[in-house]
Amino acid sequence: MTGSQRPGGHRLTLLAVILTVGTGAVDAACFIRLGGVFSSVVTGNLVLLGYAISGLLVDVALHTVVAVGGYISGVVVGTSITGPPKEDMPIWPVRVTMALMLEFVFLILFSAGWVLAGGRPAGIVAFAVLAFAAIAMGLQSAAMRGLGGHAALSTTYLTGTLTGLVAAMLVPRESGRLDSRGMAILAALTTGAVIGSLLVVNAPAVYPVVPLVMLGSVIAAAVIRRARESADSS
């Protein structure tokens, strides 16, 4: 049974797509304005770190270290909140929402620094803003790993998603269906990057609205859903 075929799978896919749009927007901003690094693509950052070390490029090395360190910190904190996924957990546990709420706090810090710097953070402010973005992405990655029922869903690091999608095209599954969830998430990442890039370049003061609205809407949907389930069970 694929992710979209599980109970609540379509709703889960929609929430994942919304989160991934925000991921694309944040990564685009970090690449364009924060040292040419990414907030969630850690493997790419490690390659950049190797390049920086080989050429003694201190500035590039510092940006990659901040990005990777921030991401790892977010994963550590996020995992401590969600705990390991279990088969008997609800698809969207309360702890996942808690981790995303903490991510929202760091996105607010990221946005505040971004706006105060006029969309062009520099010096120590740039490193702080980059760290906030990377921590936020690490928290989101950990939150998605905390989904119940072994949902196996990512909204940040997507190389595995692309690999699985290509493999499914070459070796169709028994159901004969392509991984529609994977296709939607990859498209969402690109869409978020396009929107984010356009706003970073042309309307930097407005840009933070995109990741904040994407994440905020997912949190709101999760909270409303939880409230309804509690009301129905009472």
C-alpha atoms as a PDB file:
ATOM      1  CA  MET A   1       0.000   0.000   0.000  1.00  0.00           C
ATOM      2  CA  THR A   2       1.542   3.303  -1.047  1.00  0.00           C
ATOM      3  CA  GLY A   3       1.552   6.419   1.119  1.00  0.00           C
ATOM      4  CA  SER A   4      -1.295   8.012  -0.787  1.00  0.00           C
ATOM      5  CA  GLN A   5      -3.361   4.835  -0.412  1.00  0.00           C
ATOM      6  CA  ARG A   6      -3.115   4.746   3.389  1.00  0.00           C
ATOM      7  CA  PRO A   7      -6.011   6.187   5.419  1.00  0.00           C
ATOM      8  CA  GLY A   8      -5.504   9.944   5.399  1.00  0.00           C
ATOM      9  CA  GLY A   9      -2.824   9.565   2.750  1.00  0.00           C
ATOM     10  CA  HIS A  10      -4.177  12.246   0.416  1.00  0.00           C
ATOM     11  CA  ARG A  11      -4.404  14.756   3.255  1.00  0.00           C
ATOM     12  CA  LEU A  12      -0.864  13.878   4.283  1.00  0.00           C
ATOM     13  CA  THR A  13       0.342  14.403   0.730  1.00  0.00           C
ATOM     14  CA  LEU A  14      -1.295  17.832   0.575  1.00  0.00           C
ATOM     15  CA  LEU A  15       0.359  18.906   3.834  1.00  0.00           C
ATOM     16  CA  ALA A  16       3.704  17.597   2.588  1.00  0.00           C
ATOM     17  CA  VAL A  17       3.363  19.511  -0.672  1.00  0.00           C
ATOM     18  CA  ILE A  18       2.622  22.739   1.198  1.00  0.00           C
ATOM     19  CA  LEU A  19       5.636  22.245   3.464  1.00  0.00           C
ATOM     20  CA  THR A  20       7.859  21.526   0.473  1.00  0.00           C
ATOM     21  CA  VAL A  21       6.875  24.762  -1.244  1.00  0.00           C
ATOM     22  CA  GLY A  22       8.206  26.527   1.833  1.00  0.00           C
ATOM     23  CA  THR A  23      11.387  24.446   1.736  1.00  0.00           C
ATOM     24  CA  GLY A  24      12.049  25.479  -1.852  1.00  0.00           C
ATOM     25  CA  ALA A  25      11.538  29.133  -0.974  1.00  0.00           C
ATOM     26  CA  VAL A  26      13.917  28.987   2.008  1.00  0.00           C
ATOM     27  CA  ASP A  27      16.632  27.120   0.103  1.00  0.00           C
ATOM     28  CA  ALA A  28      16.418  29.604  -2.768  1.00  0.00           C
ATOM     29  CA  ALA A  29      16.874  32.564  -0.413  1.00  0.00           C
ATOM     30  CA  CYS A  30      19.851  30.946   1.296  1.00  0.00           C
ATOM     31  CA  PHE A  31      21.514  30.184  -2.028  1.00  0.00           C
ATOM     32  CA  ILE A  32      20.921  33.654  -3.481  1.00  0.00           C
ATOM     33  CA  ARG A  33      21.616  35.851  -0.462  1.00  0.00           C
ATOM     34  CA  LEU A  34      23.324  33.744   2.223  1.00  0.00           C
ATOM     35  CA  GLY A  35      26.622  32.575   0.824  1.00  0.00           C
ATOM     36  CA  GLY A  36      25.505  30.247  -1.954  1.00  0.00           C
ATOM     37  CA  VAL A  37      24.653  27.413   0.433  1.00  0.00           C
ATOM     38  CA  PHE A  38      21.442  25.554   1.218  1.00  0.00           C
ATOM     39  CA  SER A  39      19.420  25.263   4.389  1.00  0.00           C
ATOM     40  CA  SER A  40      18.361  21.644   3.810  1.00  0.00           C
ATOM     41  CA  VAL A  41      20.530  20.092   1.063  1.00  0.00           C
ATOM     42  CA  VAL A  42      23.257  18.903   3.418  1.00  0.00           C
ATOM     43  CA  THR A  43      25.025  16.690   0.890  1.00  0.00           C
ATOM     44  CA  GLY A  44      25.432  19.658  -1.446  1.00  0.00           C
ATOM     45  CA  ASN A  45      26.772  21.725   1.441  1.00  0.00           C
ATOM     46  CA  LEU A  46      29.331  19.040   2.276  1.00  0.00           C
ATOM     47  CA  VAL A  47      30.565  19.120  -1.311  1.00  0.00           C
ATOM     48  CA  LEU A  48      30.866  22.903  -1.039  1.00  0.00           C
ATOM     49  CA  LEU A  49      32.769  22.456   2.218  1.00  0.00           C
ATOM     50  CA  GLY A  50      35.226  20.149   0.480  1.00  0.00           C
ATOM     51  CA  TYR A  51      35.624  22.701  -2.300  1.00  0.00           C
ATOM     52  CA  ALA A  52      36.183  25.466   0.255  1.00  0.00           C
ATOM     53  CA  ILE A  53      38.815  23.455   2.112  1.00  0.00           C
ATOM     54  CA  SER A  54      40.668  22.589  -1.088  1.00  0.00           C
ATOM     55  CA  GLY A  55      40.848  26.240  -2.110  1.00  0.00           C
ATOM     56  CA  LEU A  56      41.212  27.701   1.377  1.00  0.00           C
ATOM     57  CA  LEU A  57      37.991  29.663   0.848  1.00  0.00           C
ATOM     58  CA  VAL A  58      37.279  30.703   4.410  1.00  0.00           C
ATOM     59  CA  ASP A  59      34.005  32.520   3.739  1.00  0.00           C
ATOM     60  CA  VAL A  60      32.494  29.584   1.850  1.00  0.00           C
ATOM     61  CA  ALA A  61      33.675  27.177   4.528  1.00  0.00           C
ATOM     62  CA  LEU A  62      32.117  29.263   7.306  1.00  0.00           C
ATOM     63  CA  HIS A  63      28.768  29.451   5.513  1.00  0.00           C
ATOM     64  CA  THR A  64      28.673  25.692   4.927  1.00  0.00           C
ATOM     65  CA  VAL A  65      29.664  24.915   8.519  1.00  0.00           C
ATOM     66  CA  VAL A  66      26.899  27.179   9.839  1.00  0.00           C
ATOM     67  CA  ALA A  67      24.348  25.617   7.474  1.00  0.00           C
ATOM     68  CA  VAL A  68      25.296  22.014   8.266  1.00  0.00           C
ATOM     69  CA  GLY A  69      25.667  22.691  11.987  1.00  0.00           C
ATOM     70  CA  GLY A  70      22.307  24.440  12.131  1.00  0.00           C
ATOM     71  CA  TYR A  71      20.591  21.625  10.261  1.00  0.00           C
ATOM     72  CA  ILE A  72      22.078  18.981  12.547  1.00  0.00           C
ATOM     73  CA  SER A  73      21.014  20.979  15.604  1.00  0.00           C
ATOM     74  CA  GLY A  74      17.461  21.153  14.271  1.00  0.00           C
ATOM     75  CA  VAL A  75      17.381  17.404  13.649  1.00  0.00           C
ATOM     76  CA  VAL A  76      18.666  16.671  17.159  1.00  0.00           C
ATOM     77  CA  VAL A  77      16.073  18.892  18.821  1.00  0.00           C
ATOM     78  CA  GLY A  78      13.275  17.797  16.496  1.00  0.00           C
ATOM     79  CA  THR A  79      13.983  14.102  17.041  1.00  0.00           C
ATOM     80  CA  SER A  80      14.001  14.601  20.797  1.00  0.00           C
ATOM     81  CA  ILE A  81      10.511  16.082  20.456  1.00  0.00           C
ATOM     82  CA  THR A  82       8.952  13.526  18.094  1.00  0.00           C
ATOM     83  CA  GLY A  83      10.733  10.356  19.222  1.00  0.00           C
ATOM     84  CA  PRO A  84      11.028   7.357  16.900  1.00  0.00           C
ATOM     85  CA  PRO A  85       8.071   6.516  14.631  1.00  0.00           C
ATOM     86  CA  LYS A  86       5.965   3.521  15.643  1.00  0.00           C
ATOM     87  CA  GLU A  87       3.549   1.443  13.618  1.00  0.00           C
ATOM     88  CA  ASP A  88       0.653   1.973  16.040  1.00  0.00           C
ATOM     89  CA  MET A  89       1.004   5.772  16.136  1.00  0.00           C
ATOM     90  CA  PRO A  90      -1.508   8.049  14.407  1.00  0.00           C
ATOM     91  CA  ILE A  91      -0.357   9.155  10.965  1.00  0.00           C
ATOM     92  CA  TRP A  92       0.181  12.701  12.253  1.00  0.00           C
ATOM     93  CA  PRO A  93       1.133  12.564  15.973  1.00  0.00           C
ATOM     94  CA  VAL A  94       0.787  15.638  18.175  1.00  0.00           C
ATOM     95  CA  ARG A  95       4.560  15.704  18.640  1.00  0.00           C
ATOM     96  CA  VAL A  96       5.022  16.296  14.916  1.00  0.00           C
ATOM     97  CA  THR A  97       2.925  19.444  15.225  1.00  0.00           C
ATOM     98  CA  MET A  98       4.971  20.486  18.254  1.00  0.00           C
ATOM     99  CA  ALA A  99       8.204  20.169  16.261  1.00  0.00           C
ATOM    100  CA  LEU A 100       6.701  22.210  13.429  1.00  0.00           C
ATOM    101  CA  MET A 101       5.620  24.888  15.905  1.00  0.00           C
ATOM    102  CA  LEU A 102       9.223  25.195  17.058  1.00  0.00           C
ATOM    103  CA  GLU A 103      10.263  25.386  13.418  1.00  0.00           C
ATOM    104  CA  PHE A 104       7.819  28.264  13.010  1.00  0.00           C
ATOM    105  CA  VAL A 105       9.601  30.129  15.810  1.00  0.00           C
ATOM    106  CA  PHE A 106      12.915  29.812  13.990  1.00  0.00           C
ATOM    107  CA  LEU A 107      11.322  30.862  10.712  1.00  0.00           C
ATOM    108  CA  ILE A 108      10.058  33.991  12.475  1.00  0.00           C
ATOM    109  CA  LEU A 109      13.617  34.696  13.662  1.00  0.00           C
ATOM    110  CA  PHE A 110      14.868  34.068  10.130  1.00  0.00           C
ATOM    111  CA  SER A 111      12.223  36.403   8.705  1.00  0.00           C
ATOM    112  CA  ALA A 112      12.901  39.124  11.268  1.00  0.00           C
ATOM    113  CA  GLY A 113      16.603  39.132  10.495  1.00  0.00           C
ATOM    114  CA  TRP A 114      15.876  39.086   6.787  1.00  0.00           C
ATOM    115  CA  VAL A 115      13.502  42.052   6.909  1.00  0.00           C
ATOM    116  CA  LEU A 116      15.688  44.110   9.246  1.00  0.00           C
ATOM    117  CA  ALA A 117      18.596  43.603   6.837  1.00  0.00           C
ATOM    118  CA  GLY A 118      16.480  44.723   3.895  1.00  0.00           C
ATOM    119  CA  GLY A 119      16.626  41.308   2.256  1.00  0.00           C
ATOM    120  CA  ARG A 120      20.431  41.452   2.028  1.00  0.00           C
ATOM    121  CA  PRO A 121      21.839  40.140   5.315  1.00  0.00           C
ATOM    122  CA  ALA A 122      25.571  40.630   5.722  1.00  0.00           C
ATOM    123  CA  GLY A 123      28.248  39.875   8.284  1.00  0.00           C
ATOM    124  CA  ILE A 124      27.169  38.297  11.545  1.00  0.00           C
ATOM    125  CA  VAL A 125      23.508  38.913  10.705  1.00  0.00           C
ATOM    126  CA  ALA A 126      23.839  36.756   7.589  1.00  0.00           C
ATOM    127  CA  PHE A 127      25.310  33.903   9.605  1.00  0.00           C
ATOM    128  CA  ALA A 128      22.546  34.205  12.207  1.00  0.00           C
ATOM    129  CA  VAL A 129      19.812  34.248   9.571  1.00  0.00           C
ATOM    130  CA  LEU A 130      21.381  31.257   7.823  1.00  0.00           C
ATOM    131  CA  ALA A 131      21.586  29.366  11.108  1.00  0.00           C
ATOM    132  CA  PHE A 132      17.902  30.056  11.843  1.00  0.00           C
ATOM    133  CA  ALA A 133      16.911  28.784   8.393  1.00  0.00           C
ATOM    134  CA  ALA A 134      19.015  25.629   8.698  1.00  0.00           C
ATOM    135  CA  ILE A 135      17.710  24.860  12.191  1.00  0.00           C
ATOM    136  CA  ALA A 136      14.164  25.278  10.877  1.00  0.00           C
ATOM    137  CA  MET A 137      14.795  22.828   8.055  1.00  0.00           C
ATOM    138  CA  GLY A 138      16.391  20.338  10.431  1.00  0.00           C
ATOM    139  CA  LEU A 139      13.341  20.535  12.674  1.00  0.00           C
ATOM    140  CA  GLN A 140      11.052  19.945   9.712  1.00  0.00           C
ATOM    141  CA  SER A 141      13.103  16.949   8.574  1.00  0.00           C
ATOM    142  CA  ALA A 142      12.903  15.416  12.043  1.00  0.00           C
ATOM    143  CA  ALA A 143       9.184  16.137  12.244  1.00  0.00           C
ATOM    144  CA  MET A 144       8.511  14.260   9.024  1.00  0.00           C
ATOM    145  CA  ARG A 145      10.561  11.302  10.240  1.00  0.00           C
ATOM    146  CA  GLY A 146       8.322  11.242  13.292  1.00  0.00           C
ATOM    147  CA  LEU A 147       5.182  10.514  11.290  1.00  0.00           C
ATOM    148  CA  GLY A 148       3.299   7.423  12.384  1.00  0.00           C
ATOM    149  CA  GLY A 149       2.724   4.255  10.421  1.00  0.00           C
ATOM    150  CA  HIS A 150       6.188   4.422   8.847  1.00  0.00           C
ATOM    151  CA  ALA A 151       4.956   7.040   6.395  1.00  0.00           C
ATOM    152  CA  ALA A 152       8.479   7.441   4.932  1.00  0.00           C
ATOM    153  CA  LEU A 153       7.952  11.026   3.871  1.00  0.00           C
ATOM    154  CA  SER A 154      10.420  13.849   3.370  1.00  0.00           C
ATOM    155  CA  THR A 155       9.805  17.488   2.555  1.00  0.00           C
ATOM    156  CA  THR A 156      13.433  18.647   2.694  1.00  0.00           C
ATOM    157  CA  TYR A 157      16.033  16.167   1.430  1.00  0.00           C
ATOM    158  CA  LEU A 158      14.525  14.766  -1.759  1.00  0.00           C
ATOM    159  CA  THR A 159      17.246  12.823  -3.579  1.00  0.00           C
ATOM    160  CA  GLY A 160      15.674   9.584  -2.370  1.00  0.00           C
ATOM    161  CA  THR A 161      12.268  10.770  -3.566  1.00  0.00           C
ATOM    162  CA  LEU A 162      13.634  11.438  -7.049  1.00  0.00           C
ATOM    163  CA  THR A 163      15.467   8.087  -7.093  1.00  0.00           C
ATOM    164  CA  GLY A 164      12.314   6.234  -6.113  1.00  0.00           C
ATOM    165  CA  LEU A 165      10.269   8.067  -8.729  1.00  0.00           C
ATOM    166  CA  VAL A 166      12.682   7.203 -11.547  1.00  0.00           C
ATOM    167  CA  ALA A 167      12.893   3.591 -10.356  1.00  0.00           C
ATOM    168  CA  ALA A 168       9.091   3.369 -10.302  1.00  0.00           C
ATOM    169  CA  MET A 169       8.987   4.554 -13.907  1.00  0.00           C
ATOM    170  CA  LEU A 170      11.416   1.856 -14.973  1.00  0.00           C
ATOM    171  CA  VAL A 171      10.055  -0.922 -12.763  1.00  0.00           C
ATOM    172  CA  PRO A 172       6.339  -0.279 -12.194  1.00  0.00           C
ATOM    173  CA  ARG A 173       4.923  -1.417  -8.888  1.00  0.00           C
ATOM    174  CA  GLU A 174       2.311  -4.143  -8.646  1.00  0.00           C
ATOM    175  CA  SER A 175      -0.429  -1.530  -8.610  1.00  0.00           C
ATOM    176  CA  GLY A 176       0.885  -0.129 -11.875  1.00  0.00           C
ATOM    177  CA  ARG A 177       0.770   3.400 -10.479  1.00  0.00           C
ATOM    178  CA  LEU A 178       3.574   5.904 -10.437  1.00  0.00           C
ATOM    179  CA  ASP A 179       4.515   7.595  -7.200  1.00  0.00           C
ATOM    180  CA  SER A 180       2.142  10.538  -7.473  1.00  0.00           C
ATOM    181  CA  ARG A 181       3.140  11.766  -4.019  1.00  0.00           C
ATOM    182  CA  GLY A 182       6.804  11.922  -5.032  1.00  0.00           C
ATOM    183  CA  MET A 183       5.963  13.766  -8.235  1.00  0.00           C
ATOM    184  CA  ALA A 184       3.854  16.306  -6.343  1.00  0.00           C
ATOM    185  CA  ILE A 185       6.542  16.927  -3.723  1.00  0.00           C
ATOM    186  CA  LEU A 186       9.307  17.395  -6.301  1.00  0.00           C
ATOM    187  CA  ALA A 187       7.099  19.795  -8.251  1.00  0.00           C
ATOM    188  CA  ALA A 188       6.354  21.662  -5.020  1.00  0.00           C
ATOM    189  CA  LEU A 189      10.066  22.098  -4.296  1.00  0.00           C
ATOM    190  CA  THR A 190      10.654  23.624  -7.714  1.00  0.00           C
ATOM    191  CA  THR A 191       7.563  25.807  -7.406  1.00  0.00           C
ATOM    192  CA  GLY A 192       8.698  27.106  -4.039  1.00  0.00           C
ATOM    193  CA  ALA A 193      12.155  27.851  -5.418  1.00  0.00           C
ATOM    194  CA  VAL A 194      10.671  29.775  -8.345  1.00  0.00           C
ATOM    195  CA  ILE A 195       8.369  31.841  -6.141  1.00  0.00           C
ATOM    196  CA  GLY A 196      11.054  32.389  -3.532  1.00  0.00           C
ATOM    197  CA  SER A 197      13.676  33.433  -6.082  1.00  0.00           C
ATOM    198  CA  LEU A 198      11.368  35.925  -7.751  1.00  0.00           C
ATOM    199  CA  LEU A 199      10.476  37.523  -4.434  1.00  0.00           C
ATOM    200  CA  VAL A 200      14.049  37.551  -3.123  1.00  0.00           C
ATOM    201  CA  VAL A 201      15.187  39.463  -6.193  1.00  0.00           C
ATOM    202  CA  ASN A 202      12.163  41.680  -6.810  1.00  0.00           C
ATOM    203  CA  ALA A 203      10.322  42.014  -3.483  1.00  0.00           C
ATOM    204  CA  PRO A 204      12.639  40.938  -0.659  1.00  0.00           C
ATOM    205  CA  ALA A 205      10.464  42.509   2.045  1.00  0.00           C
ATOM    206  CA  VAL A 206       7.529  40.332   0.976  1.00  0.00           C
ATOM    207  CA  TYR A 207       9.544  37.136   0.540  1.00  0.00           C
ATOM    208  CA  PRO A 208       9.295  35.816   4.157  1.00  0.00           C
ATOM    209  CA  VAL A 209       5.523  35.627   3.826  1.00  0.00           C
ATOM    210  CA  VAL A 210       5.865  32.532   1.624  1.00  0.00           C
ATOM    211  CA  PRO A 211       7.610  30.120   4.018  1.00  0.00           C
ATOM    212  CA  LEU A 212       5.694  31.484   7.003  1.00  0.00           C
ATOM    213  CA  VAL A 213       2.302  31.047   5.343  1.00  0.00           C
ATOM    214  CA  MET A 214       3.168  27.557   4.079  1.00  0.00           C
ATOM    215  CA  LEU A 215       4.288  26.298   7.479  1.00  0.00           C
ATOM    216  CA  GLY A 216       1.609  28.214   9.376  1.00  0.00           C
ATOM    217  CA  SER A 217      -1.171  26.738   7.259  1.00  0.00           C
ATOM    218  CA  VAL A 218       0.066  23.191   7.889  1.00  0.00           C
ATOM    219  CA  ILE A 219       0.251  23.783  11.634  1.00  0.00           C
ATOM    220  CA  ALA A 220      -3.230  25.309  11.616  1.00  0.00           C
ATOM    221  CA  ALA A 221      -4.629  22.369   9.665  1.00  0.00           C
ATOM    222  CA  ALA A 222      -3.051  19.901  12.094  1.00  0.00           C
ATOM    223  CA  VAL A 223      -4.363  21.748  15.140  1.00  0.00           C
ATOM    224  CA  ILE A 224      -7.878  22.005  13.700  1.00  0.00           C
ATOM    225  CA  ARG A 225      -7.859  18.326  12.777  1.00  0.00           C
ATOM    226  CA  ARG A 226      -6.732  17.369  16.266  1.00  0.00           C
ATOM    227  CA  ALA A 227      -9.447  19.516  17.843  1.00  0.00           C
ATOM    228  CA  ARG A 228     -12.120  17.881  15.685  1.00  0.00           C
ATOM    229  CA  GLU A 229     -10.903  14.383  16.550  1.00  0.00           C
ATOM    230  CA  SER A 230     -10.944  15.240  20.242  1.00  0.00           C
ATOM    231  CA  ALA A 231     -14.478  16.621  19.934  1.00  0.00           C
ATOM    232  CA  ASP A 232     -15.668  13.524  18.083  1.00  0.00           C
ATOM    233  CA  SER A 233     -14.209  11.175  20.696  1.00  0.00           C
ATOM    234  CA  SER A 234     -15.717  13.062  23.643  1.00  0.00           C
END
